[in-house]
Amino acid sequence: MSLETFCTRFPANPEVRTSIASMQRIETQEGKSLVAILAQQLAREGRDGIRETLNKYFPGNTMFELDQKILERIPAEDKQKMFDNYAAIVFGLAVVSLERTLVNGEYDHEDFCQRYNLATGGMQLGKAEAEDVKVEKLSHDQMGQMYAVIKKDKTFTLFFEQEGIQAAPHVLRQFLQEKNTILNIRKAILPLYKERARFLVL
């Protein structure tokens, strides 16, 4: 399971809508859009992709502390795959949070952190904590900016590009920009996501 699996499982053609729509019928959380379900699948494949790479070089281990010594033992090509899969996790979880923000009128950073920590459990990628801000209340103007972005692009992609990232909740935007994760999202994740998400917003 990995980004390669994601691309195979969800081809960039109209059939992807049927696949995601079938998942929507069995999702436990009501109101989740097709694009959010696609993004969630991307996060799951990213998680499995990292675990797959770690198991390749450290078979039998169930807990990994990704320090510099560990990374030095992984070849550059597989290391980049891990970074890309990590970006997929963050992107997928962020899309779900953005959708919930648009529905609820506030950004629940504590919920994002809980889902992030669950997705990265056992990999020690750095725990996310909602210390100073658990829930970010958004003003009428801030919500207006978010709605303007989603009106331009219903796939949520624009929130991760230069044109629309300022409309994302401040705390989420900070998390995306840490360790340049947003740059890897733009390079490795947005192209393959957009190819598929466009069939879900027809």
C-alpha atoms as a PDB file:
ATOM      1  CA  MET A   1       0.000   0.000   0.000  1.00  0.00           C
ATOM      2  CA  SER A   2       1.380   3.391  -1.017  1.00  0.00           C
ATOM      3  CA  LEU A   3       0.868   6.280  -3.412  1.00  0.00           C
ATOM      4  CA  GLU A   4       1.398   3.790  -6.236  1.00  0.00           C
ATOM      5  CA  THR A   5      -1.416   1.675  -4.826  1.00  0.00           C
ATOM      6  CA  PHE A   6      -3.622   4.761  -4.546  1.00  0.00           C
ATOM      7  CA  CYS A   7      -3.079   5.603  -8.215  1.00  0.00           C
ATOM      8  CA  THR A   8      -3.886   2.042  -9.267  1.00  0.00           C
ATOM      9  CA  ARG A   9      -6.890   1.681  -6.992  1.00  0.00           C
ATOM     10  CA  PHE A  10      -8.366   5.025  -7.999  1.00  0.00           C
ATOM     11  CA  PRO A  11      -7.621   5.591 -11.712  1.00  0.00           C
ATOM     12  CA  ALA A  12      -7.702   9.126 -13.100  1.00  0.00           C
ATOM     13  CA  ASN A  13     -10.868   8.611 -15.118  1.00  0.00           C
ATOM     14  CA  PRO A  14     -14.654   8.825 -14.553  1.00  0.00           C
ATOM     15  CA  GLU A  15     -14.647   5.403 -12.867  1.00  0.00           C
ATOM     16  CA  VAL A  16     -13.106   6.991  -9.781  1.00  0.00           C
ATOM     17  CA  ARG A  17     -16.458   8.647  -9.051  1.00  0.00           C
ATOM     18  CA  THR A  18     -18.188   5.259  -8.849  1.00  0.00           C
ATOM     19  CA  SER A  19     -15.493   3.890  -6.538  1.00  0.00           C
ATOM     20  CA  ILE A  20     -15.621   6.841  -4.146  1.00  0.00           C
ATOM     21  CA  ALA A  21     -19.430   7.066  -4.241  1.00  0.00           C
ATOM     22  CA  SER A  22     -19.626   3.425  -3.127  1.00  0.00           C
ATOM     23  CA  MET A  23     -17.364   4.311  -0.182  1.00  0.00           C
ATOM     24  CA  GLN A  24     -19.513   7.304   0.672  1.00  0.00           C
ATOM     25  CA  ARG A  25     -22.473   5.012   1.253  1.00  0.00           C
ATOM     26  CA  ILE A  26     -20.593   3.045   3.900  1.00  0.00           C
ATOM     27  CA  GLU A  27     -18.737   5.928   5.593  1.00  0.00           C
ATOM     28  CA  THR A  28     -19.776   6.305   9.230  1.00  0.00           C
ATOM     29  CA  GLN A  29     -19.489  10.105   9.302  1.00  0.00           C
ATOM     30  CA  GLU A  30     -22.427  11.844   7.706  1.00  0.00           C
ATOM     31  CA  GLY A  31     -22.011  14.652   5.224  1.00  0.00           C
ATOM     32  CA  LYS A  32     -18.514  13.774   4.059  1.00  0.00           C
ATOM     33  CA  SER A  33     -18.053  14.808   0.429  1.00  0.00           C
ATOM     34  CA  LEU A  34     -16.613  12.655  -2.332  1.00  0.00           C
ATOM     35  CA  VAL A  35     -13.414  14.724  -2.454  1.00  0.00           C
ATOM     36  CA  ALA A  36     -12.913  14.397   1.312  1.00  0.00           C
ATOM     37  CA  ILE A  37     -13.307  10.621   1.072  1.00  0.00           C
ATOM     38  CA  LEU A  38     -10.759  10.541  -1.757  1.00  0.00           C
ATOM     39  CA  ALA A  39      -8.374  12.633   0.345  1.00  0.00           C
ATOM     40  CA  GLN A  40      -8.899  10.332   3.305  1.00  0.00           C
ATOM     41  CA  GLN A  41      -7.986   7.335   1.151  1.00  0.00           C
ATOM     42  CA  LEU A  42      -4.853   9.187   0.077  1.00  0.00           C
ATOM     43  CA  ALA A  43      -3.893   9.660   3.735  1.00  0.00           C
ATOM     44  CA  ARG A  44      -4.408   5.957   4.426  1.00  0.00           C
ATOM     45  CA  GLU A  45      -2.252   4.919   1.482  1.00  0.00           C
ATOM     46  CA  GLY A  46       0.418   7.392   2.583  1.00  0.00           C
ATOM     47  CA  ARG A  47       0.443   5.835   6.037  1.00  0.00           C
ATOM     48  CA  ASP A  48       0.745   2.330   4.600  1.00  0.00           C
ATOM     49  CA  GLY A  49       3.447   3.472   2.186  1.00  0.00           C
ATOM     50  CA  ILE A  50       5.676   4.697   5.013  1.00  0.00           C
ATOM     51  CA  ARG A  51       5.152   1.500   6.972  1.00  0.00           C
ATOM     52  CA  GLU A  52       5.978  -0.531   3.874  1.00  0.00           C
ATOM     53  CA  THR A  53       9.293   1.279   3.395  1.00  0.00           C
ATOM     54  CA  LEU A  54      10.260   1.005   7.056  1.00  0.00           C
ATOM     55  CA  ASN A  55       9.452  -2.705   7.097  1.00  0.00           C
ATOM     56  CA  LYS A  56      11.629  -3.152   4.018  1.00  0.00           C
ATOM     57  CA  TYR A  57      14.722  -1.984   5.883  1.00  0.00           C
ATOM     58  CA  PHE A  58      13.753  -2.869   9.458  1.00  0.00           C
ATOM     59  CA  PRO A  59      11.632  -6.032   9.197  1.00  0.00           C
ATOM     60  CA  GLY A  60       9.802  -7.100  12.309  1.00  0.00           C
ATOM     61  CA  ASN A  61       9.946  -3.709  14.027  1.00  0.00           C
ATOM     62  CA  THR A  62       6.637  -2.234  15.122  1.00  0.00           C
ATOM     63  CA  MET A  63       7.927   1.102  16.433  1.00  0.00           C
ATOM     64  CA  PHE A  64      10.261   3.397  14.527  1.00  0.00           C
ATOM     65  CA  GLU A  65      11.997   6.519  15.789  1.00  0.00           C
ATOM     66  CA  LEU A  66      12.705   8.415  12.578  1.00  0.00           C
ATOM     67  CA  ASP A  67      15.916  10.079  13.651  1.00  0.00           C
ATOM     68  CA  GLN A  68      18.852  10.952  11.420  1.00  0.00           C
ATOM     69  CA  LYS A  69      20.532   7.567  11.948  1.00  0.00           C
ATOM     70  CA  ILE A  70      17.463   5.718  10.683  1.00  0.00           C
ATOM     71  CA  LEU A  71      17.095   7.999   7.657  1.00  0.00           C
ATOM     72  CA  GLU A  72      20.768   7.557   6.744  1.00  0.00           C
ATOM     73  CA  ARG A  73      20.211   3.814   6.351  1.00  0.00           C
ATOM     74  CA  ILE A  74      17.437   4.328   3.784  1.00  0.00           C
ATOM     75  CA  PRO A  75      18.474   5.014   0.151  1.00  0.00           C
ATOM     76  CA  ALA A  76      17.585   8.419  -1.289  1.00  0.00           C
ATOM     77  CA  GLU A  77      14.872   7.095  -3.618  1.00  0.00           C
ATOM     78  CA  ASP A  78      12.964   5.302  -0.865  1.00  0.00           C
ATOM     79  CA  LYS A  79      13.535   8.195   1.504  1.00  0.00           C
ATOM     80  CA  GLN A  80      11.833  10.516  -0.986  1.00  0.00           C
ATOM     81  CA  LYS A  81       8.953   8.059  -1.248  1.00  0.00           C
ATOM     82  CA  MET A  82       8.563   8.290   2.518  1.00  0.00           C
ATOM     83  CA  PHE A  83       8.495  12.080   2.386  1.00  0.00           C
ATOM     84  CA  ASP A  84       5.872  11.936  -0.387  1.00  0.00           C
ATOM     85  CA  ASN A  85       3.764   9.466   1.561  1.00  0.00           C
ATOM     86  CA  TYR A  86       4.028  11.693   4.627  1.00  0.00           C
ATOM     87  CA  ALA A  87       2.811  14.628   2.559  1.00  0.00           C
ATOM     88  CA  ALA A  88      -0.139  12.474   1.473  1.00  0.00           C
ATOM     89  CA  ILE A  89      -1.065  11.858   5.113  1.00  0.00           C
ATOM     90  CA  VAL A  90      -0.988  15.544   6.024  1.00  0.00           C
ATOM     91  CA  PHE A  91      -2.825  16.597   2.868  1.00  0.00           C
ATOM     92  CA  GLY A  92      -5.596  14.025   3.267  1.00  0.00           C
ATOM     93  CA  LEU A  93      -6.210  14.870   6.912  1.00  0.00           C
ATOM     94  CA  ALA A  94      -6.139  18.598   6.148  1.00  0.00           C
ATOM     95  CA  VAL A  95      -8.808  18.307   3.441  1.00  0.00           C
ATOM     96  CA  VAL A  96     -11.129  16.545   5.884  1.00  0.00           C
ATOM     97  CA  SER A  97     -10.494  19.309   8.449  1.00  0.00           C
ATOM     98  CA  LEU A  98     -11.127  22.045   5.896  1.00  0.00           C
ATOM     99  CA  GLU A  99     -14.463  20.487   4.981  1.00  0.00           C
ATOM    100  CA  ARG A 100     -15.453  20.270   8.645  1.00  0.00           C
ATOM    101  CA  THR A 101     -14.415  23.899   9.124  1.00  0.00           C
ATOM    102  CA  LEU A 102     -16.685  25.020   6.297  1.00  0.00           C
ATOM    103  CA  VAL A 103     -19.574  23.117   7.873  1.00  0.00           C
ATOM    104  CA  ASN A 104     -18.967  24.101  11.499  1.00  0.00           C
ATOM    105  CA  GLY A 105     -17.586  27.625  11.113  1.00  0.00           C
ATOM    106  CA  GLU A 106     -14.529  26.837  13.238  1.00  0.00           C
ATOM    107  CA  TYR A 107     -11.310  24.873  12.848  1.00  0.00           C
ATOM    108  CA  ASP A 108     -10.886  22.025  15.337  1.00  0.00           C
ATOM    109  CA  HIS A 109      -7.117  21.641  15.642  1.00  0.00           C
ATOM    110  CA  GLU A 110      -7.434  19.143  18.469  1.00  0.00           C
ATOM    111  CA  ASP A 111      -9.429  16.852  16.171  1.00  0.00           C
ATOM    112  CA  PHE A 112      -6.813  17.247  13.427  1.00  0.00           C
ATOM    113  CA  CYS A 113      -4.014  16.376  15.863  1.00  0.00           C
ATOM    114  CA  GLN A 114      -5.847  13.297  17.130  1.00  0.00           C
ATOM    115  CA  ARG A 115      -6.369  12.016  13.583  1.00  0.00           C
ATOM    116  CA  TYR A 116      -2.748  12.819  12.669  1.00  0.00           C
ATOM    117  CA  ASN A 117      -1.382  10.983  15.697  1.00  0.00           C
ATOM    118  CA  LEU A 118      -3.597   8.000  14.946  1.00  0.00           C
ATOM    119  CA  ALA A 119      -2.451   7.912  11.306  1.00  0.00           C
ATOM    120  CA  THR A 120       1.234   8.116  12.238  1.00  0.00           C
ATOM    121  CA  GLY A 121       1.043   5.859  15.271  1.00  0.00           C
ATOM    122  CA  GLY A 122       4.031   3.539  15.579  1.00  0.00           C
ATOM    123  CA  MET A 123       6.151   5.635  13.225  1.00  0.00           C
ATOM    124  CA  GLN A 124       7.249   8.384  15.628  1.00  0.00           C
ATOM    125  CA  LEU A 125       7.027  11.075  12.963  1.00  0.00           C
ATOM    126  CA  GLY A 126       6.615  13.794  15.523  1.00  0.00           C
ATOM    127  CA  LYS A 127       3.480  14.037  17.610  1.00  0.00           C
ATOM    128  CA  ALA A 128       1.030  16.827  16.822  1.00  0.00           C
ATOM    129  CA  GLU A 129      -0.363  18.621  19.846  1.00  0.00           C
ATOM    130  CA  ALA A 130      -3.054  21.278  20.191  1.00  0.00           C
ATOM    131  CA  GLU A 131      -1.342  23.237  22.943  1.00  0.00           C
ATOM    132  CA  ASP A 132      -2.185  26.915  22.536  1.00  0.00           C
ATOM    133  CA  VAL A 133      -5.188  26.601  20.226  1.00  0.00           C
ATOM    134  CA  LYS A 134      -7.550  23.638  20.402  1.00  0.00           C
ATOM    135  CA  VAL A 135     -10.325  25.251  18.369  1.00  0.00           C
ATOM    136  CA  GLU A 136      -9.761  28.272  16.119  1.00  0.00           C
ATOM    137  CA  LYS A 137     -12.833  30.472  15.915  1.00  0.00           C
ATOM    138  CA  LEU A 138     -13.100  32.068  12.490  1.00  0.00           C
ATOM    139  CA  SER A 139     -14.509  35.510  11.808  1.00  0.00           C
ATOM    140  CA  HIS A 140     -17.190  36.213   9.228  1.00  0.00           C
ATOM    141  CA  ASP A 141     -14.491  37.610   6.906  1.00  0.00           C
ATOM    142  CA  GLN A 142     -12.290  34.533   7.341  1.00  0.00           C
ATOM    143  CA  MET A 143     -15.173  32.216   6.539  1.00  0.00           C
ATOM    144  CA  GLY A 144     -15.961  34.403   3.535  1.00  0.00           C
ATOM    145  CA  GLN A 145     -12.410  33.907   2.257  1.00  0.00           C
ATOM    146  CA  MET A 146     -12.729  30.151   2.645  1.00  0.00           C
ATOM    147  CA  TYR A 147     -16.038  30.067   0.794  1.00  0.00           C
ATOM    148  CA  ALA A 148     -14.519  32.179  -1.993  1.00  0.00           C
ATOM    149  CA  VAL A 149     -11.719  29.620  -2.408  1.00  0.00           C
ATOM    150  CA  ILE A 150     -14.056  26.639  -2.455  1.00  0.00           C
ATOM    151  CA  LYS A 151     -16.290  28.424  -4.953  1.00  0.00           C
ATOM    152  CA  LYS A 152     -13.314  28.695  -7.317  1.00  0.00           C
ATOM    153  CA  ASP A 153     -12.201  25.094  -6.774  1.00  0.00           C
ATOM    154  CA  LYS A 154     -14.512  22.567  -5.145  1.00  0.00           C
ATOM    155  CA  THR A 155     -11.706  19.987  -4.932  1.00  0.00           C
ATOM    156  CA  PHE A 156     -10.084  21.960  -2.052  1.00  0.00           C
ATOM    157  CA  THR A 157      -6.805  21.973  -3.990  1.00  0.00           C
ATOM    158  CA  LEU A 158      -6.559  25.765  -4.033  1.00  0.00           C
ATOM    159  CA  PHE A 159      -6.174  25.868  -0.245  1.00  0.00           C
ATOM    160  CA  PHE A 160      -2.747  24.269  -0.708  1.00  0.00           C
ATOM    161  CA  GLU A 161      -1.547  26.531  -3.507  1.00  0.00           C
ATOM    162  CA  GLN A 162      -0.056  29.995  -3.202  1.00  0.00           C
ATOM    163  CA  GLU A 163      -3.271  31.636  -4.359  1.00  0.00           C
ATOM    164  CA  GLY A 164      -5.477  30.211  -1.619  1.00  0.00           C
ATOM    165  CA  ILE A 165      -3.378  29.096   1.334  1.00  0.00           C
ATOM    166  CA  GLN A 166      -3.918  32.357   3.208  1.00  0.00           C
ATOM    167  CA  ALA A 167      -7.616  31.511   3.392  1.00  0.00           C
ATOM    168  CA  ALA A 168      -6.911  28.323   5.363  1.00  0.00           C
ATOM    169  CA  PRO A 169      -7.238  28.516   9.172  1.00  0.00           C
ATOM    170  CA  HIS A 170      -4.089  30.020  10.681  1.00  0.00           C
ATOM    171  CA  VAL A 171      -3.182  27.054  12.900  1.00  0.00           C
ATOM    172  CA  LEU A 172      -3.617  24.549  10.071  1.00  0.00           C
ATOM    173  CA  ARG A 173      -1.610  26.770   7.730  1.00  0.00           C
ATOM    174  CA  GLN A 174       1.245  26.850  10.255  1.00  0.00           C
ATOM    175  CA  PHE A 175       1.243  23.065  10.459  1.00  0.00           C
ATOM    176  CA  LEU A 176       1.321  22.732   6.667  1.00  0.00           C
ATOM    177  CA  GLN A 177       4.256  25.107   6.403  1.00  0.00           C
ATOM    178  CA  GLU A 178       6.339  23.366   9.076  1.00  0.00           C
ATOM    179  CA  LYS A 179       9.302  21.438   7.645  1.00  0.00           C
ATOM    180  CA  ASN A 180       8.207  22.634   4.180  1.00  0.00           C
ATOM    181  CA  THR A 181       5.498  19.959   4.045  1.00  0.00           C
ATOM    182  CA  ILE A 182       3.364  22.255   1.889  1.00  0.00           C
ATOM    183  CA  LEU A 183       6.094  22.283  -0.784  1.00  0.00           C
ATOM    184  CA  ASN A 184       6.117  18.502  -0.982  1.00  0.00           C
ATOM    185  CA  ILE A 185       2.323  18.459  -1.074  1.00  0.00           C
ATOM    186  CA  ARG A 186       2.380  20.798  -4.058  1.00  0.00           C
ATOM    187  CA  LYS A 187       5.036  18.816  -5.886  1.00  0.00           C
ATOM    188  CA  ALA A 188       4.086  15.201  -5.175  1.00  0.00           C
ATOM    189  CA  ILE A 189       0.448  15.129  -4.058  1.00  0.00           C
ATOM    190  CA  LEU A 190      -1.615  17.827  -5.752  1.00  0.00           C
ATOM    191  CA  PRO A 191      -1.040  16.620  -9.338  1.00  0.00           C
ATOM    192  CA  LEU A 192      -2.226  13.057  -8.762  1.00  0.00           C
ATOM    193  CA  TYR A 193      -5.051  14.198  -6.453  1.00  0.00           C
ATOM    194  CA  LYS A 194      -6.354  16.815  -8.902  1.00  0.00           C
ATOM    195  CA  GLU A 195      -6.392  14.312 -11.753  1.00  0.00           C
ATOM    196  CA  ARG A 196      -8.921  12.269  -9.797  1.00  0.00           C
ATOM    197  CA  ALA A 197     -10.810  14.849  -7.749  1.00  0.00           C
ATOM    198  CA  ARG A 198     -11.976  16.721 -10.848  1.00  0.00           C
ATOM    199  CA  PHE A 199     -14.270  13.789 -11.681  1.00  0.00           C
ATOM    200  CA  LEU A 200     -15.910  14.087  -8.256  1.00  0.00           C
ATOM    201  CA  VAL A 201     -17.119  17.694  -8.530  1.00  0.00           C
ATOM    202  CA  LEU A 202     -18.883  17.547 -11.893  1.00  0.00           C
END
